[in-house]
Amino acid sequence: MRKMILLPVLFILSSIMSQAQTIAVFTVKAGKYDRYNSIVYTTMPDLAQGAVVLEEEVNGKRHAVAGYVQGTQLSWILEGATPAGSERKFVLSKEKAAANVYMKARTVNNQLLLEEGNQPVLQYNYNTVPAPGGVDTLYNRSAFIHPLWAPNGVVLTNIFPNASHMHHMGIWNPWTHTSFEGRETDFWNIQKKEGKVIYAGGLETFSGPVWCGFRSSQDHIAFLKDGSKKTAIHETWMVKVYPVYKEGTRRLWDFSSTFTPATPSGITLLQYRYGGGFGLRTTAYFTPATSQVSTSEGKTRKDADSTRARWVKISGATPDGKAGMLIMNFPDNYDSPEPVRVWPENMEGGELMFNYSPTKMKSWQLTPGARYQLKYRVMVYSGDITAEEAEAAYNDYAYPVEVKVEMKQ
């Protein structure tokens, strides 16, 4: 595992900053949407050379802002409300100071835990998790997220839920119906013994003042008729987790899956009703009596299946409190707005499985040597959120703020 504490944009007093050498001035433009706690990314040349500080300038006064440098990329949070049509100014300068790293990625019980301070956010299971006692070891799994916590501590995911869907693993995304080297291969339903997704190494972790996260390699492994195994798809997950906001009741995190065929023959992701994209098995406490599903198009759990949605909101009550998540698919994703698979209310006592499935309505041919990417943003929240807040969060993700860079060196 490769651990990285990315170069922080350091906190420093404004009185000291007046003596610092300005590198650049950023003008952040809200555009046509109201913004709240937007995540800002911008690229600059040679940014990582030496320690730097970031300040926001308001009415001629500056105050420190936590930022993050990764290579030539700078990121920070546009804290609070930024009305549509408005602009905010930030100044980047050279200076040395100490910075706090409170968004952390660390190993706990041989798995990767992402935390804000001492509060757990999500766990990535790169080491194999054994199936429950008495269950076929074929179900042993790696390369999935569980638990996922809401800000109030409610666990939102579930794994190994029951005998008929023992292959459901928190947040995971195997492709279900594929054509690989002349054979239909299912990587989702591992009980069919056709294929499986595994952790493939190369884990990098990131800790810092603005976000923490990881990058990990995963492989879709085909089980061939002669008993051998062959890698069909190489995949990289990138996850970034951001701090809570709105009095500790909201948190955003970003998920991307980048993948390429592993053989010269390529692979076809065949049209099917679920698979790939973003899969979610929710806590068993989310049933029709305790939870609600709503989409950007006004659908509910009763009629959302096989419809398209820019975002899907899932809220529910558990013994530990009410919480939920908002899942947003990026406009550039394949066949976006992606169609969704939402279990009907009569499945397994009303428990819920959700899937953004890019190939639900049409197949996708993956060409050797080409790279493909799917991106999603998730908001986890305590209590509930309105459809208006969900729509605002989606617009902020799909249409990010504009950053104008004025170099001073």
Protein backbone atom coordinates (compact mmCIF):
# COMPACT_ATOMS: atom_id res chain seq x y z
CA MET A 1 0.00 0.00 0.00
CA ARG A 2 1.28 3.44 -0.92
CA LYS A 3 0.36 6.19 1.54
CA MET A 4 0.37 9.83 0.53
CA ILE A 5 -0.17 12.96 2.58
CA LEU A 6 -0.69 15.44 -0.20
CA LEU A 7 0.95 18.84 0.08
CA PRO A 8 -1.50 20.98 2.03
CA VAL A 9 -2.27 24.59 1.31
CA LEU A 10 -1.40 25.75 4.77
CA PHE A 11 -3.28 27.81 7.37
CA ILE A 12 -1.54 31.04 8.34
CA LEU A 13 -2.43 34.37 9.93
CA SER A 14 -3.35 37.20 7.58
CA SER A 15 -0.80 39.51 9.18
CA ILE A 16 1.95 37.13 8.10
CA MET A 17 0.40 36.67 4.67
CA SER A 18 0.96 40.30 3.79
CA GLN A 19 4.66 39.46 3.61
CA ALA A 20 4.19 36.38 1.42
CA GLN A 21 4.91 36.19 -2.30
CA THR A 22 1.73 35.90 -4.35
CA ILE A 23 1.71 33.04 -6.88
CA ALA A 24 -1.75 33.39 -8.36
CA VAL A 25 -5.19 34.91 -7.93
CA PHE A 26 -8.28 32.75 -8.51
CA THR A 27 -11.69 34.17 -9.37
CA VAL A 28 -14.39 31.56 -8.76
CA LYS A 29 -17.62 32.19 -10.67
CA ALA A 30 -20.88 30.60 -9.53
CA GLY A 31 -22.46 30.80 -12.98
CA LYS A 32 -26.22 30.36 -13.28
CA TYR A 33 -26.66 28.13 -10.20
CA ASP A 34 -26.76 28.90 -6.49
CA ARG A 35 -23.89 27.10 -4.77
CA TYR A 36 -23.39 25.72 -1.28
CA ASN A 37 -20.08 24.25 -0.13
CA SER A 38 -18.95 23.64 -3.71
CA ILE A 39 -15.83 21.56 -4.29
CA VAL A 40 -13.35 23.53 -6.40
CA TYR A 41 -10.60 22.05 -8.57
CA THR A 42 -8.12 23.93 -10.71
CA THR A 43 -4.82 23.14 -12.42
CA MET A 44 -1.66 25.22 -12.29
CA PRO A 45 1.88 24.64 -13.57
CA ASP A 46 4.62 23.75 -11.07
CA LEU A 47 2.24 24.21 -8.15
CA ALA A 48 3.81 21.60 -5.90
CA GLN A 49 7.15 23.38 -5.60
CA GLY A 50 7.39 24.42 -1.96
CA ALA A 51 4.80 25.24 0.68
CA VAL A 52 1.88 27.48 -0.22
CA VAL A 53 -1.08 29.10 1.50
CA LEU A 54 -4.54 29.97 0.22
CA GLU A 55 -6.68 32.89 1.42
CA GLU A 56 -10.03 34.31 0.44
CA GLU A 57 -10.13 38.07 -0.03
CA VAL A 58 -13.37 39.79 1.05
CA ASN A 59 -13.70 43.59 1.19
CA GLY A 60 -9.94 44.02 1.18
CA LYS A 61 -9.37 41.55 4.04
CA ARG A 62 -8.05 38.02 3.80
CA HIS A 63 -8.78 34.90 5.81
CA ALA A 64 -7.15 31.48 5.57
CA VAL A 65 -8.74 28.65 3.60
CA ALA A 66 -7.78 24.98 3.72
CA GLY A 67 -6.60 23.74 0.34
CA TYR A 68 -4.97 20.64 -1.10
CA VAL A 69 -2.21 20.26 -3.69
CA GLN A 70 -1.86 16.99 -5.61
CA GLY A 71 0.76 17.34 -8.31
CA THR A 72 -0.42 20.35 -10.31
CA GLN A 73 -4.00 20.18 -9.05
CA LEU A 74 -5.31 22.46 -6.31
CA SER A 75 -8.62 21.82 -4.55
CA TRP A 76 -10.59 23.53 -1.82
CA ILE A 77 -14.13 23.94 -0.49
CA LEU A 78 -16.09 27.06 -1.45
CA GLU A 79 -17.56 27.27 2.04
CA GLY A 80 -21.08 28.49 2.65
CA ALA A 81 -23.50 29.98 0.13
CA THR A 82 -22.40 31.46 -3.19
CA PRO A 83 -25.39 32.96 -5.06
CA ALA A 84 -25.85 32.48 -8.79
CA GLY A 85 -24.00 35.12 -10.80
CA SER A 86 -21.59 36.00 -7.98
CA GLU A 87 -17.80 35.73 -7.81
CA ARG A 88 -15.31 35.04 -5.01
CA LYS A 89 -11.60 35.85 -4.98
CA PHE A 90 -8.78 33.67 -3.60
CA VAL A 91 -5.05 34.39 -3.37
CA LEU A 92 -2.33 31.72 -3.42
CA SER A 93 1.04 32.63 -1.91
CA LYS A 94 4.32 31.02 -0.94
CA GLU A 95 4.83 30.56 2.78
CA LYS A 96 5.78 27.96 5.37
CA ALA A 97 3.57 26.95 8.26
CA ALA A 98 2.09 23.90 9.96
CA ALA A 99 -1.22 22.45 8.79
CA ASN A 100 -3.69 20.02 10.29
CA VAL A 101 -4.52 16.80 8.47
CA TYR A 102 -7.96 15.76 9.67
CA MET A 103 -9.29 13.91 6.62
CA LYS A 104 -7.50 10.59 7.04
CA ALA A 105 -7.07 7.26 5.28
CA ARG A 106 -5.65 4.53 7.51
CA THR A 107 -5.56 0.76 7.86
CA VAL A 108 -7.83 -0.69 10.54
CA ASN A 109 -8.29 -4.45 10.96
CA ASN A 110 -6.54 -5.06 7.63
CA GLN A 111 -8.99 -2.89 5.66
CA LEU A 112 -8.89 0.77 4.61
CA LEU A 113 -10.90 3.22 6.70
CA LEU A 114 -11.59 6.81 5.61
CA GLU A 115 -12.23 9.17 8.51
CA GLU A 116 -12.94 12.78 9.33
CA GLY A 117 -11.17 13.31 12.62
CA ASN A 118 -12.26 10.29 14.63
CA GLN A 119 -15.54 9.83 12.75
CA PRO A 120 -15.62 6.92 10.29
CA VAL A 121 -16.94 7.68 6.81
CA LEU A 122 -16.52 4.51 4.75
CA GLN A 123 -14.45 1.34 4.62
CA TYR A 124 -12.87 -0.10 1.48
CA ASN A 125 -12.34 -3.84 1.79
CA TYR A 126 -9.27 -4.67 -0.25
CA ASN A 127 -8.47 -7.79 1.73
CA THR A 128 -10.81 -10.73 1.21
CA VAL A 129 -13.81 -10.82 3.53
CA PRO A 130 -14.94 -14.40 4.26
CA ALA A 131 -18.57 -15.34 3.72
CA PRO A 132 -20.61 -16.31 6.80
CA GLY A 133 -20.01 -19.73 8.29
CA GLY A 134 -21.48 -22.59 6.30
CA VAL A 135 -21.59 -20.57 3.05
CA ASP A 136 -19.60 -21.61 -0.02
CA THR A 137 -16.18 -19.94 0.02
CA LEU A 138 -16.88 -18.85 -3.56
CA TYR A 139 -18.72 -15.93 -1.94
CA ASN A 140 -15.58 -14.67 -0.20
CA ARG A 141 -15.10 -11.19 -1.59
CA SER A 142 -12.76 -8.22 -1.83
CA ALA A 143 -12.99 -4.89 -3.68
CA PHE A 144 -16.14 -3.31 -2.24
CA ILE A 145 -17.22 -0.55 0.15
CA HIS A 146 -18.90 -1.41 3.47
CA PRO A 147 -19.77 0.04 5.88
CA LEU A 148 -20.83 3.43 4.58
CA TRP A 149 -21.81 5.71 7.46
CA ALA A 150 -24.15 8.70 7.49
CA PRO A 151 -22.90 11.73 9.46
CA ASN A 152 -25.03 10.68 12.46
CA GLY A 153 -23.39 7.25 12.52
CA VAL A 154 -26.15 5.26 10.80
CA VAL A 155 -24.76 2.42 8.67
CA LEU A 156 -26.34 2.66 5.21
CA THR A 157 -25.01 -0.51 3.53
CA ASN A 158 -25.28 -4.26 3.96
CA ILE A 159 -23.27 -7.32 2.83
CA PHE A 160 -24.04 -11.05 2.55
CA PRO A 161 -27.71 -10.13 3.15
CA ASN A 162 -29.39 -13.53 2.67
CA ALA A 163 -29.11 -16.88 0.95
CA SER A 164 -30.59 -15.84 -2.39
CA HIS A 165 -28.49 -12.68 -2.75
CA MET A 166 -25.36 -13.54 -0.80
CA HIS A 167 -23.35 -11.90 -3.59
CA HIS A 168 -24.62 -8.38 -2.76
CA MET A 169 -21.73 -6.44 -1.24
CA GLY A 170 -22.45 -2.93 0.04
CA ILE A 171 -21.28 -0.70 -2.79
CA TRP A 172 -19.89 -2.69 -5.72
CA ASN A 173 -20.19 -2.73 -9.52
CA PRO A 174 -19.51 -5.99 -11.40
CA TRP A 175 -20.83 -6.28 -14.94
CA THR A 176 -23.58 -8.88 -15.23
CA HIS A 177 -24.19 -9.84 -18.85
CA THR A 178 -21.07 -9.74 -21.02
CA SER A 179 -19.60 -11.42 -24.07
CA PHE A 180 -15.95 -12.29 -23.44
CA GLU A 181 -13.98 -14.30 -26.02
CA GLY A 182 -17.10 -15.87 -27.46
CA ARG A 183 -18.71 -16.79 -24.15
CA GLU A 184 -21.39 -15.08 -22.10
CA THR A 185 -19.82 -14.25 -18.73
CA ASP A 186 -21.53 -12.99 -15.57
CA PHE A 187 -19.26 -11.26 -13.03
CA TRP A 188 -22.14 -10.16 -10.75
CA ASN A 189 -23.85 -13.45 -9.89
CA ILE A 190 -20.80 -15.30 -8.65
CA GLN A 191 -22.90 -18.34 -7.72
CA LYS A 192 -23.00 -19.08 -11.47
CA LYS A 193 -19.22 -19.60 -11.32
CA GLU A 194 -18.60 -17.66 -14.52
CA GLY A 195 -16.63 -14.74 -13.10
CA LYS A 196 -15.79 -12.53 -10.14
CA VAL A 197 -14.27 -9.14 -9.26
CA ILE A 198 -11.18 -9.11 -7.04
CA TYR A 199 -8.78 -6.55 -5.58
CA ALA A 200 -5.70 -6.45 -7.83
CA GLY A 201 -3.24 -4.39 -5.76
CA GLY A 202 -1.76 -0.95 -6.23
CA LEU A 203 -3.63 0.64 -3.34
CA GLU A 204 -2.73 4.31 -2.85
CA THR A 205 -4.16 6.31 0.04
CA PHE A 206 -4.48 10.07 0.45
CA SER A 207 -4.87 12.17 3.61
CA GLY A 208 -5.10 15.94 3.96
CA PRO A 209 -7.07 18.99 5.13
CA VAL A 210 -9.66 19.07 2.31
CA TRP A 211 -10.26 15.44 1.36
CA CYS A 212 -9.04 11.92 1.93
CA GLY A 213 -9.41 8.91 -0.30
CA PHE A 214 -7.86 6.05 -2.19
CA ARG A 215 -7.00 4.71 -5.62
CA SER A 216 -7.22 0.95 -6.11
CA SER A 217 -6.88 -1.60 -8.91
CA GLN A 218 -9.55 -4.27 -9.40
CA ASP A 219 -9.93 -7.02 -11.99
CA HIS A 220 -12.92 -8.76 -13.55
CA ILE A 221 -11.77 -12.42 -13.61
CA ALA A 222 -13.46 -14.89 -15.98
CA PHE A 223 -13.68 -18.55 -14.95
CA LEU A 224 -13.03 -20.57 -18.11
CA LYS A 225 -14.50 -23.98 -18.95
CA ASP A 226 -11.14 -25.72 -18.56
CA GLY A 227 -10.92 -24.55 -14.94
CA SER A 228 -8.44 -21.76 -15.59
CA LYS A 229 -8.99 -18.05 -14.95
CA LYS A 230 -8.44 -15.06 -17.21
CA THR A 231 -8.59 -11.33 -16.57
CA ALA A 232 -11.23 -9.68 -18.75
CA ILE A 233 -11.25 -6.08 -17.45
CA HIS A 234 -8.72 -3.97 -15.58
CA GLU A 235 -10.43 -1.36 -13.40
CA THR A 236 -9.31 1.50 -11.16
CA TRP A 237 -11.48 2.95 -8.40
CA MET A 238 -10.83 6.49 -7.18
CA VAL A 239 -12.72 7.67 -4.09
CA LYS A 240 -12.54 11.12 -2.48
CA VAL A 241 -14.32 11.99 0.77
CA TYR A 242 -14.98 15.61 1.83
CA PRO A 243 -15.75 17.18 5.24
CA VAL A 244 -19.22 17.43 6.74
CA TYR A 245 -21.19 20.67 6.41
CA LYS A 246 -24.59 22.13 7.32
CA GLU A 247 -23.89 21.68 11.03
CA GLY A 248 -22.49 18.22 10.50
CA THR A 249 -25.53 16.77 8.71
CA ARG A 250 -24.21 16.44 5.13
CA ARG A 251 -21.14 14.93 3.52
CA LEU A 252 -20.13 14.51 -0.13
CA TRP A 253 -17.89 11.88 -1.63
CA ASP A 254 -16.85 11.20 -5.21
CA PHE A 255 -16.54 7.81 -6.87
CA SER A 256 -15.01 7.07 -10.27
CA SER A 257 -14.44 3.78 -12.08
CA THR A 258 -11.93 3.79 -14.93
CA PHE A 259 -11.59 0.57 -16.90
CA THR A 260 -10.11 -1.02 -20.00
CA PRO A 261 -10.30 -4.46 -21.64
CA ALA A 262 -7.51 -6.76 -20.47
CA THR A 263 -7.15 -8.76 -23.71
CA PRO A 264 -6.77 -7.96 -27.43
CA SER A 265 -10.24 -9.35 -28.09
CA GLY A 266 -11.94 -6.71 -25.96
CA ILE A 267 -15.29 -7.32 -24.27
CA THR A 268 -18.91 -6.42 -24.90
CA LEU A 269 -21.08 -5.32 -21.99
CA LEU A 270 -24.41 -6.66 -23.16
CA GLN A 271 -27.73 -4.97 -22.50
CA TYR A 272 -29.22 -6.27 -19.27
CA ARG A 273 -31.52 -5.07 -16.51
CA TYR A 274 -28.75 -4.53 -13.93
CA GLY A 275 -24.98 -4.53 -13.50
CA GLY A 276 -21.91 -2.29 -13.55
CA GLY A 277 -22.09 1.43 -12.84
CA PHE A 278 -22.90 1.98 -9.18
CA GLY A 279 -24.47 -0.86 -7.19
CA LEU A 280 -25.89 -0.49 -3.68
CA ARG A 281 -27.38 -2.93 -1.20
CA THR A 282 -28.86 -0.82 1.57
CA THR A 283 -29.19 -1.62 5.24
CA ALA A 284 -31.86 -4.24 5.97
CA TYR A 285 -33.73 -1.60 7.98
CA PHE A 286 -34.73 0.16 4.75
CA THR A 287 -38.08 -1.41 3.82
CA PRO A 288 -41.25 0.05 2.23
CA ALA A 289 -42.54 0.82 5.72
CA THR A 290 -39.39 2.66 6.84
CA SER A 291 -37.79 4.15 3.71
CA GLN A 292 -38.52 6.25 0.65
CA VAL A 293 -37.01 6.35 -2.84
CA SER A 294 -37.39 9.38 -5.09
CA THR A 295 -35.72 10.41 -8.33
CA SER A 296 -35.00 13.59 -10.25
CA GLU A 297 -37.91 12.73 -12.55
CA GLY A 298 -40.44 12.40 -9.72
CA LYS A 299 -40.46 8.61 -9.58
CA THR A 300 -40.70 6.53 -6.39
CA ARG A 301 -39.78 2.98 -5.49
CA LYS A 302 -43.07 1.86 -7.05
CA ASP A 303 -42.25 3.15 -10.54
CA ALA A 304 -38.55 4.15 -10.70
CA ASP A 305 -37.23 0.87 -12.11
CA SER A 306 -36.17 1.07 -15.77
CA THR A 307 -36.45 4.86 -15.84
CA ARG A 308 -33.66 7.39 -16.23
CA ALA A 309 -32.58 9.64 -13.39
CA ARG A 310 -29.99 12.36 -12.93
CA TRP A 311 -30.15 11.67 -9.19
CA VAL A 312 -31.78 9.19 -6.84
CA LYS A 313 -32.53 9.87 -3.17
CA ILE A 314 -32.89 7.03 -0.66
CA SER A 315 -33.91 7.89 2.91
CA GLY A 316 -34.99 5.71 5.78
CA ALA A 317 -35.33 5.09 9.50
CA THR A 318 -33.17 2.71 11.53
CA PRO A 319 -32.91 2.03 15.28
CA ASP A 320 -29.94 4.43 15.28
CA GLY A 321 -31.77 7.30 13.59
CA LYS A 322 -32.97 8.53 10.23
CA ALA A 323 -30.49 8.98 7.39
CA GLY A 324 -29.97 8.46 3.71
CA MET A 325 -28.00 9.12 0.57
CA LEU A 326 -28.30 11.01 -2.68
CA ILE A 327 -26.60 9.34 -5.66
CA MET A 328 -25.81 11.50 -8.68
CA ASN A 329 -24.57 10.32 -12.07
CA PHE A 330 -22.26 12.54 -14.11
CA PRO A 331 -23.66 13.84 -17.44
CA ASP A 332 -20.70 12.44 -19.43
CA ASN A 333 -21.38 8.85 -18.30
CA TYR A 334 -22.35 6.29 -20.92
CA ASP A 335 -26.05 6.58 -21.88
CA SER A 336 -26.60 9.33 -19.31
CA PRO A 337 -28.89 10.12 -17.61
CA GLU A 338 -28.33 6.51 -16.69
CA PRO A 339 -31.24 4.12 -16.29
CA VAL A 340 -31.75 2.61 -12.86
CA ARG A 341 -32.59 -0.75 -11.37
CA VAL A 342 -34.72 -0.37 -8.22
CA TRP A 343 -36.03 -3.48 -6.53
CA PRO A 344 -39.82 -3.65 -6.22
CA GLU A 345 -41.33 -3.51 -2.75
CA ASN A 346 -42.07 -7.25 -2.65
CA MET A 347 -38.42 -8.34 -2.94
CA GLU A 348 -37.01 -10.15 0.11
CA GLY A 349 -39.24 -8.63 2.74
CA GLY A 350 -39.03 -5.24 1.12
CA GLU A 351 -35.25 -4.84 1.37
CA LEU A 352 -33.67 -2.56 -1.21
CA MET A 353 -31.09 -2.95 -3.95
CA PHE A 354 -30.32 0.00 -6.22
CA ASN A 355 -28.13 0.15 -9.31
CA TYR A 356 -27.18 2.86 -11.77
CA SER A 357 -26.75 0.56 -14.78
CA PRO A 358 -25.28 2.13 -17.95
CA THR A 359 -26.12 -0.97 -20.02
CA LYS A 360 -29.69 -1.43 -18.84
CA MET A 361 -31.06 -0.18 -22.16
CA LYS A 362 -28.23 -0.77 -24.64
CA SER A 363 -24.96 -2.70 -24.97
CA TRP A 364 -21.49 -1.18 -24.73
CA GLN A 365 -18.56 -2.43 -26.81
CA LEU A 366 -15.20 -1.96 -25.05
CA THR A 367 -12.30 -1.68 -27.50
CA PRO A 368 -8.78 -2.96 -26.64
CA GLY A 369 -6.46 -0.14 -25.63
CA ALA A 370 -9.28 2.32 -24.94
CA ARG A 371 -10.06 3.72 -21.48
CA TYR A 372 -13.58 4.25 -20.20
CA GLN A 373 -14.82 6.07 -17.13
CA LEU A 374 -17.99 6.35 -15.05
CA LYS A 375 -18.32 8.99 -12.33
CA TYR A 376 -20.77 9.46 -9.49
CA ARG A 377 -21.14 11.78 -6.52
CA VAL A 378 -22.84 10.67 -3.30
CA MET A 379 -24.25 12.85 -0.55
CA VAL A 380 -24.80 11.03 2.74
CA TYR A 381 -26.98 12.88 5.20
CA SER A 382 -28.55 12.72 8.63
CA GLY A 383 -32.33 12.98 8.66
CA ASP A 384 -33.64 13.83 5.20
CA ILE A 385 -33.21 16.39 2.42
CA THR A 386 -35.70 18.03 0.06
CA ALA A 387 -35.95 17.49 -3.67
CA GLU A 388 -34.82 21.11 -4.09
CA GLU A 389 -31.62 20.45 -2.16
CA ALA A 390 -31.02 17.30 -4.18
CA GLU A 391 -31.43 19.21 -7.43
CA ALA A 392 -29.06 21.95 -6.25
CA ALA A 393 -26.43 19.35 -5.29
CA TYR A 394 -26.74 17.70 -8.69
CA ASN A 395 -26.36 21.00 -10.56
CA ASP A 396 -23.27 21.83 -8.52
CA TYR A 397 -21.77 18.46 -9.47
CA ALA A 398 -22.80 18.38 -13.11
CA TYR A 399 -21.99 22.04 -13.80
CA PRO A 400 -19.06 22.97 -11.55
CA VAL A 401 -17.97 26.50 -10.79
CA GLU A 402 -15.69 28.27 -13.24
CA VAL A 403 -12.21 29.18 -12.00
CA LYS A 404 -10.31 32.01 -13.67
CA VAL A 405 -6.57 31.87 -12.94
CA GLU A 406 -4.35 34.96 -12.99
CA MET A 407 -0.68 34.04 -12.60
CA LYS A 408 1.54 36.45 -10.67
CA GLN A 409 4.89 34.79 -11.38
